[in-house]
């Protein structure tokens, strides 16, 4: 079953926002990840990574700029989030003075 997230990040005081999309041990099989910049007029920068305690972060996407209205599709991500495996995270970075907004669909 698909999971949907609407993430608005990085308040005026902070330049970045990191959000957990899938927790370790949730056992969700993901075959596609869609990221869409829904901000009206500003690009945003995204990092998509997996992380496991004691092992660290592994980036699927790092510093990718999403123009306004663009959807990025990532197919067959190489990770498992079974117990003891990886969690999935998204980090938004503010560009200029605007707050980034991204829709995420995991299917």
PDB file of N, CA and C in Angstrom:
ATOM      1  N   UNK A   1       0.835  -1.172   0.000  1.00  0.00           N
ATOM      2  CA  UNK A   1       0.000   0.000   0.000  1.00  0.00           C
ATOM      3  C   UNK A   1       0.887   1.245   0.000  1.00  0.00           C
ATOM      4  N   UNK A   2       0.496   2.223  -0.798  1.00  0.00           N
ATOM      5  CA  UNK A   2       1.275   3.455  -0.911  1.00  0.00           C
ATOM      6  C   UNK A   2       1.185   4.282   0.364  1.00  0.00           C
ATOM      7  N   UNK A   3       2.250   5.038   0.611  1.00  0.00           N
ATOM      8  CA  UNK A   3       2.281   5.969   1.731  1.00  0.00           C
ATOM      9  C   UNK A   3       2.528   7.357   1.167  1.00  0.00           C
ATOM     10  N   UNK A   4       1.845   8.357   1.739  1.00  0.00           N
ATOM     11  CA  UNK A   4       1.897   9.722   1.231  1.00  0.00           C
ATOM     12  C   UNK A   4       2.347  10.675   2.323  1.00  0.00           C
ATOM     13  N   UNK A   5       3.224  11.615   1.941  1.00  0.00           N
ATOM     14  CA  UNK A   5       3.729  12.616   2.880  1.00  0.00           C
ATOM     15  C   UNK A   5       3.709  13.978   2.198  1.00  0.00           C
ATOM     16  N   UNK A   6       3.319  15.003   2.919  1.00  0.00           N
ATOM     17  CA  UNK A   6       3.439  16.378   2.470  1.00  0.00           C
ATOM     18  C   UNK A   6       4.374  17.030   3.466  1.00  0.00           C
ATOM     19  N   UNK A   7       5.561  17.377   3.013  1.00  0.00           N
ATOM     20  CA  UNK A   7       6.587  17.875   3.921  1.00  0.00           C
ATOM     21  C   UNK A   7       6.916  19.319   3.576  1.00  0.00           C
ATOM     22  N   UNK A   8       6.745  20.182   4.539  1.00  0.00           N
ATOM     23  CA  UNK A   8       7.143  21.574   4.408  1.00  0.00           C
ATOM     24  C   UNK A   8       8.234  21.778   5.429  1.00  0.00           C
ATOM     25  N   UNK A   9       9.381  22.230   4.958  1.00  0.00           N
ATOM     26  CA  UNK A   9      10.515  22.208   5.861  1.00  0.00           C
ATOM     27  C   UNK A   9      11.204  23.516   6.074  1.00  0.00           C
ATOM     28  N   UNK A  10      12.163  23.455   6.933  1.00  0.00           N
ATOM     29  CA  UNK A  10      13.106  24.523   7.198  1.00  0.00           C
ATOM     30  C   UNK A  10      12.412  25.849   7.492  1.00  0.00           C
ATOM     31  N   UNK A  11      12.032  26.035   8.718  1.00  0.00           N
ATOM     32  CA  UNK A  11      11.417  27.293   9.146  1.00  0.00           C
ATOM     33  C   UNK A  11      12.405  28.435   8.970  1.00  0.00           C
ATOM     34  N   UNK A  12      11.963  29.626   9.254  1.00  0.00           N
ATOM     35  CA  UNK A  12      12.825  30.793   9.056  1.00  0.00           C
ATOM     36  C   UNK A  12      14.094  30.731   9.903  1.00  0.00           C
ATOM     37  N   UNK A  13      14.041  30.043  11.022  1.00  0.00           N
ATOM     38  CA  UNK A  13      15.214  29.969  11.897  1.00  0.00           C
ATOM     39  C   UNK A  13      16.175  28.855  11.484  1.00  0.00           C
ATOM     40  N   UNK A  14      15.664  27.824  10.835  1.00  0.00           N
ATOM     41  CA  UNK A  14      16.507  26.684  10.480  1.00  0.00           C
ATOM     42  C   UNK A  14      16.679  26.595   8.966  1.00  0.00           C
ATOM     43  N   UNK A  15      17.835  26.145   8.525  1.00  0.00           N
ATOM     44  CA  UNK A  15      18.100  26.020   7.104  1.00  0.00           C
ATOM     45  C   UNK A  15      17.752  24.631   6.570  1.00  0.00           C
ATOM     46  N   UNK A  16      17.553  23.655   7.453  1.00  0.00           N
ATOM     47  CA  UNK A  16      17.306  22.275   7.035  1.00  0.00           C
ATOM     48  C   UNK A  16      16.229  21.627   7.896  1.00  0.00           C
ATOM     49  N   UNK A  17      15.581  20.612   7.307  1.00  0.00           N
ATOM     50  CA  UNK A  17      14.628  19.792   8.035  1.00  0.00           C
ATOM     51  C   UNK A  17      14.822  18.348   7.592  1.00  0.00           C
ATOM     52  N   UNK A  18      14.993  17.436   8.542  1.00  0.00           N
ATOM     53  CA  UNK A  18      15.103  16.016   8.232  1.00  0.00           C
ATOM     54  C   UNK A  18      13.869  15.320   8.760  1.00  0.00           C
ATOM     55  N   UNK A  19      13.297  14.437   7.931  1.00  0.00           N
ATOM     56  CA  UNK A  19      12.059  13.738   8.284  1.00  0.00           C
ATOM     57  C   UNK A  19      12.226  12.245   8.046  1.00  0.00           C
ATOM     58  N   UNK A  20      11.866  11.439   9.031  1.00  0.00           N
ATOM     59  CA  UNK A  20      11.878   9.983   8.872  1.00  0.00           C
ATOM     60  C   UNK A  20      10.651   9.586   8.057  1.00  0.00           C
ATOM     61  N   UNK A  21      10.875   8.878   6.947  1.00  0.00           N
ATOM     62  CA  UNK A  21       9.780   8.394   6.112  1.00  0.00           C
ATOM     63  C   UNK A  21       9.390   6.969   6.491  1.00  0.00           C
ATOM     64  N   UNK A  22      10.383   6.126   6.725  1.00  0.00           N
ATOM     65  CA  UNK A  22      10.139   4.742   7.142  1.00  0.00           C
ATOM     66  C   UNK A  22      11.074   4.399   8.288  1.00  0.00           C
ATOM     67  N   UNK A  23      10.505   3.888   9.349  1.00  0.00           N
ATOM     68  CA  UNK A  23      11.308   3.498  10.505  1.00  0.00           C
ATOM     69  C   UNK A  23      11.924   2.120  10.275  1.00  0.00           C
ATOM     70  N   UNK A  24      13.051   1.898  10.918  1.00  0.00           N
ATOM     71  CA  UNK A  24      13.664   0.575  10.915  1.00  0.00           C
ATOM     72  C   UNK A  24      12.658  -0.403  11.504  1.00  0.00           C
ATOM     73  N   UNK A  25      12.504  -1.536  10.863  1.00  0.00           N
ATOM     74  CA  UNK A  25      11.617  -2.563  11.385  1.00  0.00           C
ATOM     75  C   UNK A  25      10.172  -2.452  10.950  1.00  0.00           C
ATOM     76  N   UNK A  26       9.841  -1.443  10.111  1.00  0.00           N
ATOM     77  CA  UNK A  26       8.447  -1.315   9.682  1.00  0.00           C
ATOM     78  C   UNK A  26       8.074  -2.337   8.612  1.00  0.00           C
ATOM     79  N   UNK A  27       9.051  -2.935   7.969  1.00  0.00           N
ATOM     80  CA  UNK A  27       8.815  -4.024   7.024  1.00  0.00           C
ATOM     81  C   UNK A  27       8.038  -3.636   5.783  1.00  0.00           C
ATOM     82  N   UNK A  28       8.096  -2.373   5.376  1.00  0.00           N
ATOM     83  CA  UNK A  28       7.396  -1.916   4.181  1.00  0.00           C
ATOM     84  C   UNK A  28       8.294  -2.127   2.966  1.00  0.00           C
ATOM     85  N   UNK A  29       7.765  -2.784   1.942  1.00  0.00           N
ATOM     86  CA  UNK A  29       8.526  -2.977   0.701  1.00  0.00           C
ATOM     87  C   UNK A  29       8.267  -1.778  -0.205  1.00  0.00           C
ATOM     88  N   UNK A  30       9.320  -1.109  -0.611  1.00  0.00           N
ATOM     89  CA  UNK A  30       9.211   0.073  -1.461  1.00  0.00           C
ATOM     90  C   UNK A  30       9.814  -0.246  -2.822  1.00  0.00           C
ATOM     91  N   UNK A  31       9.027  -0.042  -3.878  1.00  0.00           N
ATOM     92  CA  UNK A  31       9.556  -0.261  -5.220  1.00  0.00           C
ATOM     93  C   UNK A  31       9.763   1.051  -5.973  1.00  0.00           C
ATOM     94  N   UNK A  32       9.048   2.113  -5.541  1.00  0.00           N
ATOM     95  CA  UNK A  32       9.198   3.423  -6.176  1.00  0.00           C
ATOM     96  C   UNK A  32       9.065   4.520  -5.125  1.00  0.00           C
ATOM     97  N   UNK A  33       9.850   5.585  -5.342  1.00  0.00           N
ATOM     98  CA  UNK A  33       9.765   6.777  -4.507  1.00  0.00           C
ATOM     99  C   UNK A  33       9.581   7.966  -5.449  1.00  0.00           C
ATOM    100  N   UNK A  34       8.528   8.750  -5.210  1.00  0.00           N
ATOM    101  CA  UNK A  34       8.269   9.943  -6.001  1.00  0.00           C
ATOM    102  C   UNK A  34       8.457  11.160  -5.108  1.00  0.00           C
ATOM    103  N   UNK A  35       9.245  12.134  -5.583  1.00  0.00           N
ATOM    104  CA  UNK A  35       9.459  13.395  -4.870  1.00  0.00           C
ATOM    105  C   UNK A  35       9.019  14.522  -5.798  1.00  0.00           C
ATOM    106  N   UNK A  36       8.083  15.364  -5.349  1.00  0.00           N
ATOM    107  CA  UNK A  36       7.578  16.464  -6.172  1.00  0.00           C
ATOM    108  C   UNK A  36       7.719  17.780  -5.433  1.00  0.00           C
ATOM    109  N   UNK A  37       8.354  18.749  -6.073  1.00  0.00           N
ATOM    110  CA  UNK A  37       8.466  20.092  -5.509  1.00  0.00           C
ATOM    111  C   UNK A  37       7.134  20.793  -5.745  1.00  0.00           C
ATOM    112  N   UNK A  38       6.401  21.071  -4.677  1.00  0.00           N
ATOM    113  CA  UNK A  38       5.087  21.697  -4.797  1.00  0.00           C
ATOM    114  C   UNK A  38       5.099  23.178  -4.438  1.00  0.00           C
ATOM    115  N   UNK A  39       6.280  23.746  -4.228  1.00  0.00           N
ATOM    116  CA  UNK A  39       6.363  25.175  -3.926  1.00  0.00           C
ATOM    117  C   UNK A  39       5.972  25.962  -5.173  1.00  0.00           C
ATOM    118  N   UNK A  40       5.345  27.105  -4.981  1.00  0.00           N
ATOM    119  CA  UNK A  40       4.830  27.896  -6.094  1.00  0.00           C
ATOM    120  C   UNK A  40       5.914  28.473  -7.004  1.00  0.00           C
ATOM    121  N   UNK A  41       7.067  28.843  -6.435  1.00  0.00           N
ATOM    122  CA  UNK A  41       8.042  29.523  -7.293  1.00  0.00           C
ATOM    123  C   UNK A  41       9.511  29.355  -6.902  1.00  0.00           C
ATOM    124  N   UNK A  42       9.844  28.379  -6.088  1.00  0.00           N
ATOM    125  CA  UNK A  42      11.233  28.215  -5.654  1.00  0.00           C
ATOM    126  C   UNK A  42      11.674  26.761  -5.751  1.00  0.00           C
ATOM    127  N   UNK A  43      12.873  26.557  -6.277  1.00  0.00           N
ATOM    128  CA  UNK A  43      13.450  25.206  -6.294  1.00  0.00           C
ATOM    129  C   UNK A  43      13.782  24.794  -4.871  1.00  0.00           C
ATOM    130  N   UNK A  44      13.979  23.504  -4.663  1.00  0.00           N
ATOM    131  CA  UNK A  44      14.416  23.044  -3.353  1.00  0.00           C
ATOM    132  C   UNK A  44      15.499  21.986  -3.528  1.00  0.00           C
ATOM    133  N   UNK A  45      16.277  21.800  -2.490  1.00  0.00           N
ATOM    134  CA  UNK A  45      17.350  20.817  -2.505  1.00  0.00           C
ATOM    135  C   UNK A  45      16.986  19.688  -1.553  1.00  0.00           C
ATOM    136  N   UNK A  46      17.105  18.438  -2.039  1.00  0.00           N
ATOM    137  CA  UNK A  46      16.731  17.283  -1.233  1.00  0.00           C
ATOM    138  C   UNK A  46      17.881  16.285  -1.127  1.00  0.00           C
ATOM    139  N   UNK A  47      17.934  15.635   0.019  1.00  0.00           N
ATOM    140  CA  UNK A  47      18.781  14.457   0.227  1.00  0.00           C
ATOM    141  C   UNK A  47      17.831  13.332   0.608  1.00  0.00           C
ATOM    142  N   UNK A  48      18.028  12.165   0.041  1.00  0.00           N
ATOM    143  CA  UNK A  48      17.266  10.979   0.402  1.00  0.00           C
ATOM    144  C   UNK A  48      18.293   9.943   0.803  1.00  0.00           C
ATOM    145  N   UNK A  49      18.173   9.431   2.026  1.00  0.00           N
ATOM    146  CA  UNK A  49      19.182   8.491   2.485  1.00  0.00           C
ATOM    147  C   UNK A  49      18.583   7.430   3.390  1.00  0.00           C
ATOM    148  N   UNK A  50      19.332   6.356   3.538  1.00  0.00           N
ATOM    149  CA  UNK A  50      18.990   5.298   4.476  1.00  0.00           C
ATOM    150  C   UNK A  50      20.009   5.355   5.604  1.00  0.00           C
ATOM    151  N   UNK A  51      19.603   4.900   6.782  1.00  0.00           N
ATOM    152  CA  UNK A  51      20.507   4.951   7.928  1.00  0.00           C
ATOM    153  C   UNK A  51      20.234   3.776   8.847  1.00  0.00           C
ATOM    154  N   UNK A  52      21.328   3.239   9.366  1.00  0.00           N
ATOM    155  CA  UNK A  52      21.257   2.163  10.360  1.00  0.00           C
ATOM    156  C   UNK A  52      22.206   2.525  11.488  1.00  0.00           C
ATOM    157  N   UNK A  53      21.734   2.331  12.724  1.00  0.00           N
ATOM    158  CA  UNK A  53      22.597   2.618  13.862  1.00  0.00           C
ATOM    159  C   UNK A  53      23.878   1.808  13.754  1.00  0.00           C
ATOM    160  N   UNK A  54      24.967   2.422  14.151  1.00  0.00           N
ATOM    161  CA  UNK A  54      26.307   1.834  14.162  1.00  0.00           C
ATOM    162  C   UNK A  54      26.892   1.620  12.774  1.00  0.00           C
ATOM    163  N   UNK A  55      26.107   1.839  11.714  1.00  0.00           N
ATOM    164  CA  UNK A  55      26.628   1.686  10.348  1.00  0.00           C
ATOM    165  C   UNK A  55      26.729   3.029   9.660  1.00  0.00           C
ATOM    166  N   UNK A  56      25.747   3.896   9.878  1.00  0.00           N
ATOM    167  CA  UNK A  56      25.777   5.238   9.322  1.00  0.00           C
ATOM    168  C   UNK A  56      24.785   5.475   8.211  1.00  0.00           C
ATOM    169  N   UNK A  57      24.967   6.614   7.539  1.00  0.00           N
ATOM    170  CA  UNK A  57      24.091   7.044   6.454  1.00  0.00           C
ATOM    171  C   UNK A  57      24.649   6.588   5.111  1.00  0.00           C
ATOM    172  N   UNK A  58      23.708   6.262   4.212  1.00  0.00           N
ATOM    173  CA  UNK A  58      24.044   5.916   2.838  1.00  0.00           C
ATOM    174  C   UNK A  58      23.075   6.672   1.942  1.00  0.00           C
ATOM    175  N   UNK A  59      23.603   7.565   1.111  1.00  0.00           N
ATOM    176  CA  UNK A  59      22.766   8.457   0.317  1.00  0.00           C
ATOM    177  C   UNK A  59      22.288   7.795  -0.962  1.00  0.00           C
ATOM    178  N   UNK A  60      20.964   7.888  -1.200  1.00  0.00           N
ATOM    179  CA  UNK A  60      20.375   7.492  -2.469  1.00  0.00           C
ATOM    180  C   UNK A  60      20.370   8.702  -3.399  1.00  0.00           C
ATOM    181  N   UNK A  61      20.117   9.894  -2.827  1.00  0.00           N
ATOM    182  CA  UNK A  61      20.194  11.172  -3.531  1.00  0.00           C
ATOM    183  C   UNK A  61      20.866  12.160  -2.596  1.00  0.00           C
ATOM    184  N   UNK A  62      21.769  12.967  -3.120  1.00  0.00           N
ATOM    185  CA  UNK A  62      22.487  13.930  -2.277  1.00  0.00           C
ATOM    186  C   UNK A  62      22.553  15.269  -2.996  1.00  0.00           C
ATOM    187  N   UNK A  63      21.950  16.287  -2.387  1.00  0.00           N
ATOM    188  CA  UNK A  63      22.021  17.634  -2.948  1.00  0.00           C
ATOM    189  C   UNK A  63      21.320  17.796  -4.284  1.00  0.00           C
ATOM    190  N   UNK A  64      20.250  17.065  -4.497  1.00  0.00           N
ATOM    191  CA  UNK A  64      19.526  17.138  -5.765  1.00  0.00           C
ATOM    192  C   UNK A  64      18.563  18.325  -5.730  1.00  0.00           C
ATOM    193  N   UNK A  65      18.660  19.197  -6.726  1.00  0.00           N
ATOM    194  CA  UNK A  65      17.769  20.345  -6.819  1.00  0.00           C
ATOM    195  C   UNK A  65      16.536  19.963  -7.631  1.00  0.00           C
ATOM    196  N   UNK A  66      15.372  20.153  -7.025  1.00  0.00           N
ATOM    197  CA  UNK A  66      14.104  19.910  -7.708  1.00  0.00           C
ATOM    198  C   UNK A  66      13.519  21.254  -8.131  1.00  0.00           C
ATOM    199  N   UNK A  67      13.430  21.501  -9.442  1.00  0.00           N
ATOM    200  CA  UNK A  67      12.777  22.732  -9.893  1.00  0.00           C
ATOM    201  C   UNK A  67      11.291  22.724  -9.537  1.00  0.00           C
ATOM    202  N   UNK A  68      10.658  23.866  -9.604  1.00  0.00           N
ATOM    203  CA  UNK A  68       9.238  24.011  -9.295  1.00  0.00           C
ATOM    204  C   UNK A  68       8.415  23.080 -10.184  1.00  0.00           C
ATOM    205  N   UNK A  69       7.524  22.313  -9.568  1.00  0.00           N
ATOM    206  CA  UNK A  69       6.608  21.455 -10.299  1.00  0.00           C
ATOM    207  C   UNK A  69       7.193  20.171 -10.853  1.00  0.00           C
ATOM    208  N   UNK A  70       8.450  19.903 -10.587  1.00  0.00           N
ATOM    209  CA  UNK A  70       9.103  18.706 -11.124  1.00  0.00           C
ATOM    210  C   UNK A  70       8.940  17.527 -10.170  1.00  0.00           C
ATOM    211  N   UNK A  71       8.710  16.331 -10.748  1.00  0.00           N
ATOM    212  CA  UNK A  71       8.638  15.097  -9.974  1.00  0.00           C
ATOM    213  C   UNK A  71       9.827  14.222 -10.331  1.00  0.00           C
ATOM    214  N   UNK A  72      10.542  13.777  -9.314  1.00  0.00           N
ATOM    215  CA  UNK A  72      11.641  12.843  -9.493  1.00  0.00           C
ATOM    216  C   UNK A  72      11.136  11.462  -9.086  1.00  0.00           C
ATOM    217  N   UNK A  73      11.392  10.471  -9.925  1.00  0.00           N
ATOM    218  CA  UNK A  73      10.967   9.093  -9.646  1.00  0.00           C
ATOM    219  C   UNK A  73      12.214   8.243  -9.431  1.00  0.00           C
ATOM    220  N   UNK A  74      12.296   7.596  -8.284  1.00  0.00           N
ATOM    221  CA  UNK A  74      13.413   6.703  -7.951  1.00  0.00           C
ATOM    222  C   UNK A  74      12.840   5.295  -7.888  1.00  0.00           C
ATOM    223  N   UNK A  75      13.308   4.418  -8.778  1.00  0.00           N
ATOM    224  CA  UNK A  75      12.780   3.057  -8.839  1.00  0.00           C
ATOM    225  C   UNK A  75      13.724   2.056  -8.199  1.00  0.00           C
ATOM    226  N   UNK A  76      13.158   1.040  -7.583  1.00  0.00           N
ATOM    227  CA  UNK A  76      13.887  -0.068  -6.977  1.00  0.00           C
ATOM    228  C   UNK A  76      14.999   0.366  -6.032  1.00  0.00           C
ATOM    229  N   UNK A  77      14.642   1.132  -4.996  1.00  0.00           N
ATOM    230  CA  UNK A  77      15.680   1.548  -4.044  1.00  0.00           C
ATOM    231  C   UNK A  77      16.308   0.326  -3.374  1.00  0.00           C
ATOM    232  N   UNK A  78      17.626   0.332  -3.234  1.00  0.00           N
ATOM    233  CA  UNK A  78      18.359  -0.850  -2.754  1.00  0.00           C
ATOM    234  C   UNK A  78      18.478  -0.939  -1.230  1.00  0.00           C
ATOM    235  N   UNK A  79      17.356  -1.141  -0.544  1.00  0.00           N
ATOM    236  CA  UNK A  79      17.455  -1.263   0.900  1.00  0.00           C
ATOM    237  C   UNK A  79      16.288  -2.073   1.442  1.00  0.00           C
ATOM    238  N   UNK A  80      16.462  -2.535   2.671  1.00  0.00           N
ATOM    239  CA  UNK A  80      15.412  -3.246   3.389  1.00  0.00           C
ATOM    240  C   UNK A  80      15.199  -2.537   4.712  1.00  0.00           C
ATOM    241  N   UNK A  81      13.954  -2.384   5.121  1.00  0.00           N
ATOM    242  CA  UNK A  81      13.724  -1.763   6.423  1.00  0.00           C
ATOM    243  C   UNK A  81      13.101  -2.762   7.396  1.00  0.00           C
ATOM    244  N   UNK A  82      13.466  -4.025   7.211  1.00  0.00           N
ATOM    245  CA  UNK A  82      13.078  -5.042   8.193  1.00  0.00           C
ATOM    246  C   UNK A  82      13.788  -4.747   9.510  1.00  0.00           C
ATOM    247  N   UNK A  83      13.437  -5.479  10.525  1.00  0.00           N
ATOM    248  CA  UNK A  83      14.053  -5.304  11.833  1.00  0.00           C
ATOM    249  C   UNK A  83      15.571  -5.428  11.724  1.00  0.00           C
ATOM    250  N   UNK A  84      16.284  -4.485  12.274  1.00  0.00           N
ATOM    251  CA  UNK A  84      17.744  -4.508  12.256  1.00  0.00           C
ATOM    252  C   UNK A  84      18.353  -3.989  10.973  1.00  0.00           C
ATOM    253  N   UNK A  85      17.527  -3.496  10.038  1.00  0.00           N
ATOM    254  CA  UNK A  85      18.055  -2.993   8.768  1.00  0.00           C
ATOM    255  C   UNK A  85      18.053  -1.462   8.753  1.00  0.00           C
ATOM    256  N   UNK A  86      17.490  -0.847   7.725  1.00  0.00           N
ATOM    257  CA  UNK A  86      17.615   0.593   7.513  1.00  0.00           C
ATOM    258  C   UNK A  86      16.300   1.346   7.663  1.00  0.00           C
ATOM    259  N   UNK A  87      16.401   2.612   8.094  1.00  0.00           N
ATOM    260  CA  UNK A  87      15.301   3.558   8.048  1.00  0.00           C
ATOM    261  C   UNK A  87      15.510   4.447   6.835  1.00  0.00           C
ATOM    262  N   UNK A  88      14.456   5.057   6.323  1.00  0.00           N
ATOM    263  CA  UNK A  88      14.518   5.929   5.150  1.00  0.00           C
ATOM    264  C   UNK A  88      14.218   7.361   5.587  1.00  0.00           C
ATOM    265  N   UNK A  89      15.056   8.312   5.154  1.00  0.00           N
ATOM    266  CA  UNK A  89      14.957   9.702   5.591  1.00  0.00           C
ATOM    267  C   UNK A  89      15.031  10.659   4.410  1.00  0.00           C
ATOM    268  N   UNK A  90      14.357  11.801   4.559  1.00  0.00           N
ATOM    269  CA  UNK A  90      14.405  12.872   3.567  1.00  0.00           C
ATOM    270  C   UNK A  90      14.855  14.137   4.273  1.00  0.00           C
ATOM    271  N   UNK A  91      15.807  14.848   3.673  1.00  0.00           N
ATOM    272  CA  UNK A  91      16.266  16.128   4.223  1.00  0.00           C
ATOM    273  C   UNK A  91      15.998  17.213   3.186  1.00  0.00           C
ATOM    274  N   UNK A  92      15.317  18.275   3.610  1.00  0.00           N
ATOM    275  CA  UNK A  92      15.066  19.441   2.765  1.00  0.00           C
ATOM    276  C   UNK A  92      15.980  20.565   3.208  1.00  0.00           C
ATOM    277  N   UNK A  93      16.547  21.265   2.229  1.00  0.00           N
ATOM    278  CA  UNK A  93      17.403  22.407   2.520  1.00  0.00           C
ATOM    279  C   UNK A  93      16.795  23.639   1.890  1.00  0.00           C
ATOM    280  N   UNK A  94      16.684  24.679   2.670  1.00  0.00           N
ATOM    281  CA  UNK A  94      16.096  25.935   2.218  1.00  0.00           C
ATOM    282  C   UNK A  94      16.983  26.583   1.160  1.00  0.00           C
ATOM    283  N   UNK A  95      16.347  27.111   0.103  1.00  0.00           N
ATOM    284  CA  UNK A  95      17.080  27.911  -0.874  1.00  0.00           C
ATOM    285  C   UNK A  95      16.548  29.327  -0.785  1.00  0.00           C
ATOM    286  N   UNK A  96      17.431  30.278  -0.744  1.00  0.00           N
ATOM    287  CA  UNK A  96      17.092  31.684  -0.556  1.00  0.00           C
ATOM    288  C   UNK A  96      16.322  31.850   0.757  1.00  0.00           C
ATOM    289  N   UNK A  97      15.235  32.599   0.746  1.00  0.00           N
ATOM    290  CA  UNK A  97      14.486  32.812   1.983  1.00  0.00           C
ATOM    291  C   UNK A  97      13.182  32.028   1.991  1.00  0.00           C
ATOM    292  N   UNK A  98      12.969  31.176   1.008  1.00  0.00           N
ATOM    293  CA  UNK A  98      11.715  30.433   0.886  1.00  0.00           C
ATOM    294  C   UNK A  98      11.756  29.117   1.661  1.00  0.00           C
ATOM    295  N   UNK A  99      10.586  28.660   2.099  1.00  0.00           N
ATOM    296  CA  UNK A  99      10.451  27.387   2.794  1.00  0.00           C
ATOM    297  C   UNK A  99      10.081  26.314   1.776  1.00  0.00           C
ATOM    298  N   UNK A 100      10.905  25.259   1.613  1.00  0.00           N
ATOM    299  CA  UNK A 100      10.610  24.232   0.616  1.00  0.00           C
ATOM    300  C   UNK A 100       9.402  23.383   0.998  1.00  0.00           C
ATOM    301  N   UNK A 101       8.685  22.913  -0.028  1.00  0.00           N
ATOM    302  CA  UNK A 101       7.536  22.030   0.166  1.00  0.00           C
ATOM    303  C   UNK A 101       7.634  20.893  -0.840  1.00  0.00           C
ATOM    304  N   UNK A 102       7.567  19.668  -0.334  1.00  0.00           N
ATOM    305  CA  UNK A 102       7.728  18.488  -1.179  1.00  0.00           C
ATOM    306  C   UNK A 102       6.651  17.464  -0.845  1.00  0.00           C
ATOM    307  N   UNK A 103       6.047  16.900  -1.883  1.00  0.00           N
ATOM    308  CA  UNK A 103       5.176  15.749  -1.703  1.00  0.00           C
ATOM    309  C   UNK A 103       6.007  14.501  -1.950  1.00  0.00           C
ATOM    310  N   UNK A 104       5.807  13.483  -1.109  1.00  0.00           N
ATOM    311  CA  UNK A 104       6.534  12.217  -1.240  1.00  0.00           C
ATOM    312  C   UNK A 104       5.501  11.091  -1.315  1.00  0.00           C
ATOM    313  N   UNK A 105       5.674  10.214  -2.290  1.00  0.00           N
ATOM    314  CA  UNK A 105       4.842   9.025  -2.396  1.00  0.00           C
ATOM    315  C   UNK A 105       5.775   7.811  -2.417  1.00  0.00           C
ATOM    316  N   UNK A 106       5.541   6.882  -1.508  1.00  0.00           N
ATOM    317  CA  UNK A 106       6.272   5.610  -1.473  1.00  0.00           C
ATOM    318  C   UNK A 106       5.291   4.536  -1.925  1.00  0.00           C
ATOM    319  N   UNK A 107       5.677   3.799  -2.953  1.00  0.00           N
ATOM    320  CA  UNK A 107       4.780   2.722  -3.409  1.00  0.00           C
ATOM    321  C   UNK A 107       5.567   1.459  -3.658  1.00  0.00           C
TER     322      UNK A 107
END
